[in-house]
Protein backbone atom coordinates (compact mmCIF):
# COMPACT_ATOMS: atom_id res chain seq x y z
CA MET A 1 3.66 0.02 12.30
CA THR A 2 4.66 0.32 15.96
CA THR A 3 2.31 3.18 16.86
CA THR A 4 -0.60 1.66 15.05
CA PHE A 5 0.13 -1.71 16.60
CA LYS A 6 0.25 -0.20 20.09
CA ARG A 7 -3.02 1.67 19.57
CA LEU A 8 -4.64 -1.49 18.23
CA CYS A 9 -3.39 -3.43 21.29
CA VAL A 10 -5.06 -0.80 23.56
CA ILE A 11 -8.36 -1.55 21.88
CA LEU A 12 -7.89 -5.28 22.21
CA VAL A 13 -6.95 -5.14 25.92
CA LYS A 14 -9.69 -2.65 26.81
CA ASP A 15 -12.56 -3.95 24.76
CA TYR A 16 -11.75 -7.69 24.61
CA LYS A 17 -9.87 -8.10 27.85
CA LEU A 18 -7.01 -9.83 26.12
CA ASP A 19 -3.66 -10.46 27.81
CA PRO A 20 -1.14 -7.91 26.32
CA GLN A 21 1.53 -10.71 26.26
CA LEU A 22 -0.55 -12.54 23.65
CA LEU A 23 -0.62 -9.51 21.33
CA THR A 24 2.15 -9.94 18.80
CA PRO A 25 2.12 -9.00 15.12
CA ASP A 26 2.07 -12.73 14.26
CA ALA A 27 -0.91 -13.53 16.49
CA THR A 28 -3.89 -14.58 14.41
CA LEU A 29 -7.28 -13.09 15.11
CA GLU A 30 -8.61 -16.64 15.50
CA SER A 31 -5.99 -17.52 18.15
CA LEU A 32 -7.11 -14.41 20.10
CA GLY A 33 -10.67 -15.64 20.05
CA LEU A 34 -11.90 -13.12 17.48
CA ASP A 35 -14.48 -14.70 15.18
CA SER A 36 -15.89 -12.78 12.18
CA LEU A 37 -18.30 -10.87 14.45
CA GLY A 38 -15.49 -9.91 16.87
CA ALA A 39 -13.29 -8.83 13.98
CA THR A 40 -16.05 -6.69 12.59
CA GLU A 41 -16.52 -5.04 15.96
CA LEU A 42 -12.73 -4.47 16.17
CA PHE A 43 -12.83 -2.77 12.76
CA PHE A 44 -15.62 -0.49 13.98
CA SER A 45 -13.49 0.50 16.97
CA ALA A 46 -10.46 0.98 14.77
CA GLU A 47 -12.44 3.25 12.45
CA ASP A 48 -13.17 5.55 15.41
CA VAL A 49 -9.70 5.42 16.93
CA PHE A 50 -7.74 5.88 13.69
CA SER A 51 -10.36 8.08 11.89
CA VAL A 52 -10.38 5.85 8.85
CA THR A 53 -13.18 4.13 6.92
CA PHE A 54 -12.98 0.47 6.14
CA PRO A 55 -14.36 -0.39 2.69
CA PRO A 56 -17.42 -2.72 2.71
CA GLU A 57 -15.60 -5.39 0.69
CA PRO A 58 -14.06 -8.09 2.88
CA VAL A 59 -10.30 -8.17 3.06
CA PRO A 60 -8.41 -11.31 4.21
CA LEU A 61 -6.74 -10.13 7.44
CA LEU A 62 -5.47 -13.08 9.38
CA SER A 63 -3.00 -11.63 11.89
CA LEU A 64 -2.63 -8.50 13.95
CA GLY A 65 0.24 -7.55 11.68
CA ASP A 66 -2.15 -7.81 8.67
CA VAL A 67 -4.61 -5.53 10.40
CA VAL A 68 -1.90 -2.95 11.31
CA ARG A 69 -0.60 -2.87 7.72
CA TYR A 70 -4.10 -2.49 6.36
CA ILE A 71 -4.83 0.35 8.75
CA ASP A 72 -1.56 2.01 7.83
CA THR A 73 -2.52 1.70 4.13
CA LEU A 74 -5.92 3.23 4.77
CA LEU A 75 -4.31 6.11 6.69
CA ALA A 76 -2.03 6.77 3.82
CA GLU A 77 -4.84 6.67 1.25
CA GLN A 78 -7.46 8.55 3.25
CA GLN A 79 -5.40 11.09 5.18
CA GLY A 80 -2.32 11.48 3.06
CA GLY A 81 -0.31 9.44 5.60
CA GLN A 82 -0.98 11.92 8.35
CA PRO A 83 -2.83 10.39 11.34
CA GLN A 84 -5.23 12.84 12.91
CA ALA A 85 -4.48 13.96 16.46
CA THR A 86 -6.29 11.87 19.01
CA PRO A 87 -6.31 12.14 22.78
CA ALA A 88 -3.57 10.24 24.56
CA GLU A 89 -4.63 6.68 25.13
CA PRO A 90 -3.81 4.85 28.31
CA GLU A 91 -1.03 2.29 28.24
CA ALA A 92 -2.35 -1.30 28.02
CA GLN A 93 -2.33 -2.78 31.49
CA PRO A 94 -1.99 -6.53 32.11
CA VAL A 95 -5.28 -8.26 32.74
CA ARG A 96 -5.39 -9.74 36.22
């Protein structure tokens, strides 16, 4: 979960300009200011970064931990648990 969580945090800091200190597994998408449209955009970004496909059926994902576990499940199902190699991603930097 740690690697997936860190990669998800990079997306949230880069694309949504969120403070990395707010990003915890227990943080709800709502508390981070992600409405349903923002969550959908996050899932599109996650599909690209993790090379997975989210099914069209809605899944109740309330917290970042829920999203991470769901991505890990999709990775296991779609790639046999082996994440595809991706270029190194920059460390999340604090927003100033």
